[in-house]
Each structure stands twice: as C-alpha cells, then as structure tokens.
C-alpha cells in the first residue's frame, strides 16, 4: 500500500470513528425511566429534524436529560446515502419529580412560558 493511500485513509478512519454527541441537562434529578430511539430519521444533513419524540405520557414529572448521538452505524448510513438520510440516536431520561429551582441571588425574568436566567 502506498504512503499516499495510507495518509488518505488515516483521516477517513478517524472521522468515522468519532461519534457526534450532544447532551442537554435540565437541572432536574434523573430517574431510572429512559426512552430511547436508535434510528430517529433526519434528512439532508439534519436540516430536516426527526419527528418529535413524545415523552409527556412516559415522563409526567418532566425530563432530566436529553442526549443525541450519531453512532458509527448512523454515520455509515448517512455516508452511504450522501447525507440525504441522516439517522441519529435520541435518549431521554425522565425526571424523578419536583422542579429545578434558581439559586438565591440569581436574577431571572419570565418571558411567557420560558424563564431567562442572566
């Protein structure tokens, strides 16, 4: 195998070995209830997101954490479809109960149903 081919294969292997991963934590205490979807269908490099994962019935006390991830298999499928179909894994961890509270001295204002902390 030539040196140029080896040099070209190393970055390709590293790109496919890496897994894109994002985590959102709400501040609520996590429970043991987890909802997972391994192949949530996104389209055109994720510009068209997957359908909303309905969690309200299974997580009546709210959501503690949401994780999205592109596994090696998800990336392989995306590569083979030229990123037209981009599946991803979604994992939602339900909250135990109660709500997160702001620490004393934190300034916040209410914007409709969203609280902005600054």
N, C-alpha and C. Protein backbone atom coordinates (compact mmCIF):
# COMPACT_ATOMS: atom_id res chain seq x y z
N UNK A 1 0.86 -1.17 0.00
CA UNK A 1 0.00 0.00 0.00
C UNK A 1 0.90 1.24 0.00
N UNK A 2 0.62 2.19 -0.86
CA UNK A 2 1.47 3.37 -0.98
C UNK A 2 1.28 4.30 0.22
N UNK A 3 2.26 5.15 0.43
CA UNK A 3 2.21 6.09 1.56
C UNK A 3 1.09 7.11 1.38
N UNK A 4 0.81 7.51 0.16
CA UNK A 4 -0.27 8.47 -0.10
C UNK A 4 -1.63 7.87 0.26
N UNK A 5 -1.81 6.60 -0.07
CA UNK A 5 -3.08 5.94 0.25
C UNK A 5 -3.23 5.79 1.76
N UNK A 6 -2.15 5.43 2.44
CA UNK A 6 -2.20 5.32 3.91
C UNK A 6 -2.50 6.67 4.54
N UNK A 7 -1.87 7.71 4.01
CA UNK A 7 -2.10 9.05 4.55
C UNK A 7 -3.54 9.50 4.32
N UNK A 8 -4.16 9.08 3.25
CA UNK A 8 -5.55 9.43 2.98
C UNK A 8 -6.52 8.61 3.84
N UNK A 9 -6.16 7.37 4.14
CA UNK A 9 -7.05 6.50 4.92
C UNK A 9 -7.11 6.89 6.39
N UNK A 10 -6.03 7.40 6.94
CA UNK A 10 -5.99 7.74 8.37
C UNK A 10 -7.07 8.77 8.72
N UNK A 11 -7.18 9.91 8.03
CA UNK A 11 -8.25 10.86 8.39
C UNK A 11 -9.65 10.29 8.19
N UNK A 12 -9.83 9.47 7.17
CA UNK A 12 -11.14 8.88 6.92
C UNK A 12 -11.54 7.96 8.07
N UNK A 13 -10.61 7.14 8.53
CA UNK A 13 -10.88 6.24 9.66
C UNK A 13 -11.18 7.04 10.91
N UNK A 14 -10.42 8.11 11.15
CA UNK A 14 -10.65 8.93 12.34
C UNK A 14 -12.01 9.62 12.30
N UNK A 15 -12.43 10.08 11.13
CA UNK A 15 -13.74 10.73 11.01
C UNK A 15 -14.85 9.74 11.31
N UNK A 16 -14.75 8.52 10.77
CA UNK A 16 -15.80 7.54 11.00
C UNK A 16 -15.75 6.95 12.41
N UNK A 17 -14.62 7.03 13.07
CA UNK A 17 -14.52 6.50 14.44
C UNK A 17 -15.14 7.47 15.44
N UNK A 18 -15.14 8.75 15.12
CA UNK A 18 -15.68 9.76 16.03
C UNK A 18 -17.20 9.71 15.99
N UNK A 19 -17.81 9.96 17.13
CA UNK A 19 -19.27 9.98 17.22
C UNK A 19 -19.70 11.36 17.72
N UNK A 20 -20.55 12.02 16.95
CA UNK A 20 -21.09 13.30 17.36
C UNK A 20 -22.06 13.07 18.50
N UNK A 21 -21.98 13.89 19.56
CA UNK A 21 -22.77 13.66 20.76
C UNK A 21 -23.11 15.00 21.39
N UNK A 22 -24.37 15.21 21.74
CA UNK A 22 -24.79 16.43 22.45
C UNK A 22 -25.69 16.03 23.61
N UNK A 23 -25.51 16.70 24.75
CA UNK A 23 -26.30 16.41 25.94
C UNK A 23 -26.91 17.70 26.46
N UNK A 24 -28.19 17.66 26.81
CA UNK A 24 -28.88 18.79 27.42
C UNK A 24 -29.39 18.33 28.77
N UNK A 25 -28.97 19.01 29.83
CA UNK A 25 -29.43 18.68 31.18
C UNK A 25 -30.31 19.82 31.67
N UNK A 26 -31.47 19.47 32.22
CA UNK A 26 -32.44 20.48 32.64
C UNK A 26 -32.27 20.91 34.09
N UNK A 27 -31.49 20.18 34.86
CA UNK A 27 -31.33 20.50 36.26
C UNK A 27 -32.21 19.68 37.17
N UNK A 28 -33.12 18.91 36.60
CA UNK A 28 -33.98 18.04 37.41
C UNK A 28 -33.24 16.76 37.75
N UNK A 29 -33.63 16.13 38.84
CA UNK A 29 -33.00 14.88 39.26
C UNK A 29 -33.43 13.75 38.33
N UNK A 30 -32.47 13.04 37.71
CA UNK A 30 -32.84 11.96 36.78
C UNK A 30 -33.41 10.74 37.50
N UNK A 31 -34.31 10.05 36.82
CA UNK A 31 -34.88 8.80 37.34
C UNK A 31 -34.33 7.65 36.52
N UNK A 32 -34.84 6.45 36.77
CA UNK A 32 -34.41 5.26 36.02
C UNK A 32 -35.18 5.09 34.71
N UNK A 33 -36.24 5.86 34.52
CA UNK A 33 -37.06 5.77 33.30
C UNK A 33 -36.32 6.42 32.13
N UNK A 34 -36.04 5.63 31.10
CA UNK A 34 -35.31 6.11 29.92
C UNK A 34 -36.10 5.76 28.66
N UNK A 35 -36.19 6.71 27.75
CA UNK A 35 -36.83 6.50 26.46
C UNK A 35 -35.74 6.62 25.40
N UNK A 36 -35.60 5.60 24.56
CA UNK A 36 -34.55 5.62 23.54
C UNK A 36 -35.13 5.36 22.15
N UNK A 37 -34.56 6.03 21.19
CA UNK A 37 -34.88 5.78 19.80
C UNK A 37 -33.55 5.74 19.05
N UNK A 38 -33.20 4.55 18.53
CA UNK A 38 -31.88 4.36 17.92
C UNK A 38 -31.76 4.95 16.52
N UNK A 39 -32.82 4.94 15.75
CA UNK A 39 -32.76 5.44 14.38
C UNK A 39 -33.85 6.49 14.17
N UNK A 40 -33.66 7.66 14.76
CA UNK A 40 -34.58 8.77 14.52
C UNK A 40 -34.20 9.38 13.17
N UNK A 41 -35.13 9.46 12.26
CA UNK A 41 -34.84 9.84 10.88
C UNK A 41 -34.75 11.34 10.69
N UNK A 42 -33.56 11.81 10.37
CA UNK A 42 -33.35 13.20 9.96
C UNK A 42 -32.97 13.18 8.49
N UNK A 43 -33.15 14.30 7.82
CA UNK A 43 -32.90 14.36 6.39
C UNK A 43 -32.01 15.55 6.05
N UNK A 44 -31.27 15.42 4.99
CA UNK A 44 -30.40 16.46 4.43
C UNK A 44 -29.47 17.02 5.51
N UNK A 45 -28.55 16.17 5.94
CA UNK A 45 -27.52 16.51 6.94
C UNK A 45 -28.15 17.02 8.24
N UNK A 46 -29.35 16.60 8.54
CA UNK A 46 -30.01 17.03 9.76
C UNK A 46 -30.77 18.33 9.64
N UNK A 47 -30.82 18.93 8.45
CA UNK A 47 -31.58 20.17 8.28
C UNK A 47 -33.07 19.95 8.49
N UNK A 48 -33.55 18.78 8.13
CA UNK A 48 -34.94 18.39 8.43
C UNK A 48 -34.85 17.45 9.63
N UNK A 49 -35.22 17.93 10.82
CA UNK A 49 -35.01 17.13 12.03
C UNK A 49 -35.95 15.94 12.12
N UNK A 50 -35.64 15.00 13.01
CA UNK A 50 -36.53 13.86 13.22
C UNK A 50 -37.86 14.32 13.84
N UNK A 51 -38.84 13.45 13.77
CA UNK A 51 -40.13 13.75 14.40
C UNK A 51 -39.92 13.92 15.90
N UNK A 52 -40.79 14.72 16.51
CA UNK A 52 -40.71 14.96 17.94
C UNK A 52 -40.95 13.65 18.70
N UNK A 53 -40.12 13.39 19.66
CA UNK A 53 -40.25 12.19 20.50
C UNK A 53 -41.22 12.54 21.63
N UNK A 54 -42.39 11.93 21.61
CA UNK A 54 -43.42 12.23 22.61
C UNK A 54 -43.04 11.59 23.95
N UNK A 55 -42.78 12.43 24.94
CA UNK A 55 -42.32 11.92 26.24
C UNK A 55 -43.28 12.25 27.38
N UNK A 56 -44.26 13.09 27.14
CA UNK A 56 -45.11 13.55 28.23
C UNK A 56 -45.85 12.41 28.94
N UNK A 57 -46.32 11.41 28.20
CA UNK A 57 -47.05 10.30 28.82
C UNK A 57 -46.12 9.44 29.67
N UNK A 58 -44.88 9.26 29.22
CA UNK A 58 -43.93 8.41 29.94
C UNK A 58 -43.14 9.18 30.99
N UNK A 59 -43.06 10.49 30.87
CA UNK A 59 -42.32 11.33 31.82
C UNK A 59 -43.24 12.41 32.38
N UNK A 60 -44.21 12.05 33.23
CA UNK A 60 -45.17 13.04 33.72
C UNK A 60 -44.55 14.11 34.61
N UNK A 61 -43.38 13.84 35.19
CA UNK A 61 -42.73 14.82 36.06
C UNK A 61 -41.66 15.62 35.33
N UNK A 62 -41.57 15.43 34.02
CA UNK A 62 -40.61 16.21 33.24
C UNK A 62 -39.42 15.39 32.77
N UNK A 63 -38.53 16.06 32.10
CA UNK A 63 -37.34 15.44 31.52
C UNK A 63 -36.10 15.98 32.22
N UNK A 64 -35.21 15.08 32.62
CA UNK A 64 -33.97 15.49 33.28
C UNK A 64 -32.82 15.68 32.29
N UNK A 65 -32.78 14.83 31.26
CA UNK A 65 -31.66 14.90 30.33
C UNK A 65 -32.07 14.39 28.96
N UNK A 66 -31.56 15.05 27.91
CA UNK A 66 -31.77 14.62 26.53
C UNK A 66 -30.40 14.49 25.88
N UNK A 67 -30.16 13.34 25.26
CA UNK A 67 -28.89 13.11 24.56
C UNK A 67 -29.18 12.76 23.11
N UNK A 68 -28.43 13.36 22.21
CA UNK A 68 -28.49 12.98 20.80
C UNK A 68 -27.10 12.56 20.40
N UNK A 69 -27.04 11.56 19.53
CA UNK A 69 -25.74 10.98 19.18
C UNK A 69 -25.80 10.42 17.77
N UNK A 70 -24.70 10.56 17.05
CA UNK A 70 -24.52 9.89 15.78
C UNK A 70 -23.51 8.78 16.00
N UNK A 71 -23.98 7.55 16.05
CA UNK A 71 -23.09 6.41 16.26
C UNK A 71 -22.36 6.11 14.95
N UNK A 72 -21.44 5.17 15.01
CA UNK A 72 -20.72 4.77 13.80
C UNK A 72 -21.69 4.27 12.75
N UNK A 73 -22.66 3.46 13.15
CA UNK A 73 -23.64 2.93 12.21
C UNK A 73 -24.49 4.05 11.60
N UNK A 74 -24.90 5.03 12.44
CA UNK A 74 -25.66 6.17 11.93
C UNK A 74 -24.84 6.94 10.90
N UNK A 75 -23.56 7.14 11.19
CA UNK A 75 -22.70 7.88 10.26
C UNK A 75 -22.46 7.09 8.97
N UNK A 76 -22.36 5.78 9.10
CA UNK A 76 -22.16 4.95 7.92
C UNK A 76 -23.38 5.05 6.98
N UNK A 77 -24.58 4.98 7.56
CA UNK A 77 -25.80 5.10 6.76
C UNK A 77 -25.86 6.48 6.11
N UNK A 78 -25.51 7.52 6.87
CA UNK A 78 -25.50 8.87 6.30
C UNK A 78 -24.50 8.98 5.16
N UNK A 79 -23.33 8.38 5.31
CA UNK A 79 -22.32 8.41 4.25
C UNK A 79 -22.80 7.68 3.00
N UNK A 80 -23.40 6.51 3.20
CA UNK A 80 -23.87 5.72 2.06
C UNK A 80 -25.02 6.39 1.31
N UNK A 81 -25.79 7.24 1.99
CA UNK A 81 -26.89 7.95 1.33
C UNK A 81 -26.49 9.38 0.97
N UNK A 82 -25.20 9.67 1.01
CA UNK A 82 -24.67 11.01 0.70
C UNK A 82 -25.32 12.08 1.58
N UNK A 83 -25.56 11.75 2.84
CA UNK A 83 -26.16 12.65 3.85
C UNK A 83 -27.58 13.09 3.52
N UNK A 84 -28.22 12.40 2.62
CA UNK A 84 -29.64 12.70 2.37
C UNK A 84 -30.47 12.19 3.54
N UNK A 85 -30.18 10.97 3.98
CA UNK A 85 -30.81 10.37 5.16
C UNK A 85 -29.76 10.34 6.26
N UNK A 86 -30.03 11.03 7.37
CA UNK A 86 -29.06 11.11 8.46
C UNK A 86 -29.72 10.65 9.76
N UNK A 87 -29.68 9.35 10.07
CA UNK A 87 -30.31 8.89 11.30
C UNK A 87 -29.49 9.28 12.53
N UNK A 88 -30.16 9.40 13.66
CA UNK A 88 -29.46 9.69 14.91
C UNK A 88 -30.13 8.95 16.06
N UNK A 89 -29.39 8.79 17.13
CA UNK A 89 -29.90 8.15 18.33
C UNK A 89 -30.34 9.24 19.30
N UNK A 90 -31.54 9.09 19.87
CA UNK A 90 -32.05 10.04 20.86
C UNK A 90 -32.34 9.27 22.14
N UNK A 91 -31.84 9.78 23.25
CA UNK A 91 -32.06 9.15 24.56
C UNK A 91 -32.57 10.21 25.53
N UNK A 92 -33.75 9.97 26.10
CA UNK A 92 -34.37 10.90 27.04
C UNK A 92 -34.45 10.24 28.40
N UNK A 93 -33.94 10.91 29.42
CA UNK A 93 -34.01 10.41 30.79
C UNK A 93 -35.05 11.24 31.53
N UNK A 94 -36.07 10.57 32.06
CA UNK A 94 -37.15 11.26 32.77
C UNK A 94 -36.65 11.78 34.12
N UNK A 95 -37.38 12.75 34.66
CA UNK A 95 -37.05 13.31 35.97
C UNK A 95 -37.79 12.55 37.07
N UNK A 96 -37.22 12.57 38.29
CA UNK A 96 -37.85 11.90 39.42
C UNK A 96 -39.10 12.62 39.88
N UNK A 97 -39.06 13.89 39.93
CA UNK A 97 -40.20 14.67 40.39
C UNK A 97 -39.72 16.01 40.87
N UNK A 98 -40.65 16.91 41.09
CA UNK A 98 -40.28 18.25 41.52
C UNK A 98 -39.73 19.06 40.36
N UNK A 99 -39.28 20.24 40.66
CA UNK A 99 -38.75 21.13 39.64
C UNK A 99 -37.42 21.71 40.11
N UNK A 100 -36.60 22.07 39.17
CA UNK A 100 -35.35 22.74 39.49
C UNK A 100 -35.66 24.14 39.99
N UNK A 101 -34.85 24.64 40.89
CA UNK A 101 -35.07 25.99 41.38
C UNK A 101 -33.82 26.83 41.14
N UNK A 102 -34.03 28.12 41.08
CA UNK A 102 -32.91 29.03 40.89
C UNK A 102 -32.20 29.22 42.22
N UNK A 103 -30.91 29.36 42.18
CA UNK A 103 -30.17 29.60 43.41
C UNK A 103 -30.44 31.02 43.90
N UNK A 104 -30.35 31.25 45.20
CA UNK A 104 -30.63 32.59 45.74
C UNK A 104 -29.71 33.63 45.10
N UNK A 105 -30.27 34.77 44.79
CA UNK A 105 -29.49 35.84 44.20
C UNK A 105 -29.45 35.83 42.68
N UNK A 106 -29.98 34.75 42.05
CA UNK A 106 -29.99 34.68 40.59
C UNK A 106 -31.13 35.54 40.07
N UNK A 107 -30.81 36.40 39.11
CA UNK A 107 -31.84 37.25 38.52
C UNK A 107 -32.47 36.52 37.35
N UNK A 108 -33.78 36.56 37.26
CA UNK A 108 -34.50 35.91 36.16
C UNK A 108 -35.73 36.72 35.84
N UNK A 109 -36.18 36.62 34.61
CA UNK A 109 -37.45 37.24 34.24
C UNK A 109 -38.24 36.26 33.39
N UNK A 110 -39.55 36.38 33.48
CA UNK A 110 -40.48 35.47 32.81
C UNK A 110 -40.81 36.01 31.42
N UNK A 111 -40.59 35.17 30.41
CA UNK A 111 -40.93 35.54 29.03
C UNK A 111 -41.95 34.51 28.55
N UNK A 112 -43.19 34.71 28.88
CA UNK A 112 -44.21 33.73 28.52
C UNK A 112 -43.98 32.46 29.29
N UNK A 113 -43.74 31.36 28.57
CA UNK A 113 -43.53 30.06 29.21
C UNK A 113 -42.06 29.75 29.38
N UNK A 114 -41.18 30.70 29.06
CA UNK A 114 -39.75 30.46 29.14
C UNK A 114 -39.14 31.38 30.18
N UNK A 115 -38.28 30.86 31.03
CA UNK A 115 -37.56 31.66 32.01
C UNK A 115 -36.16 31.92 31.49
N UNK A 116 -35.77 33.15 31.48
CA UNK A 116 -34.43 33.52 31.02
C UNK A 116 -33.62 33.89 32.26
N UNK A 117 -32.51 33.21 32.46
CA UNK A 117 -31.64 33.47 33.62
C UNK A 117 -30.41 34.22 33.11
N UNK A 118 -30.08 35.30 33.78
CA UNK A 118 -28.90 36.05 33.38
C UNK A 118 -28.08 36.46 34.57
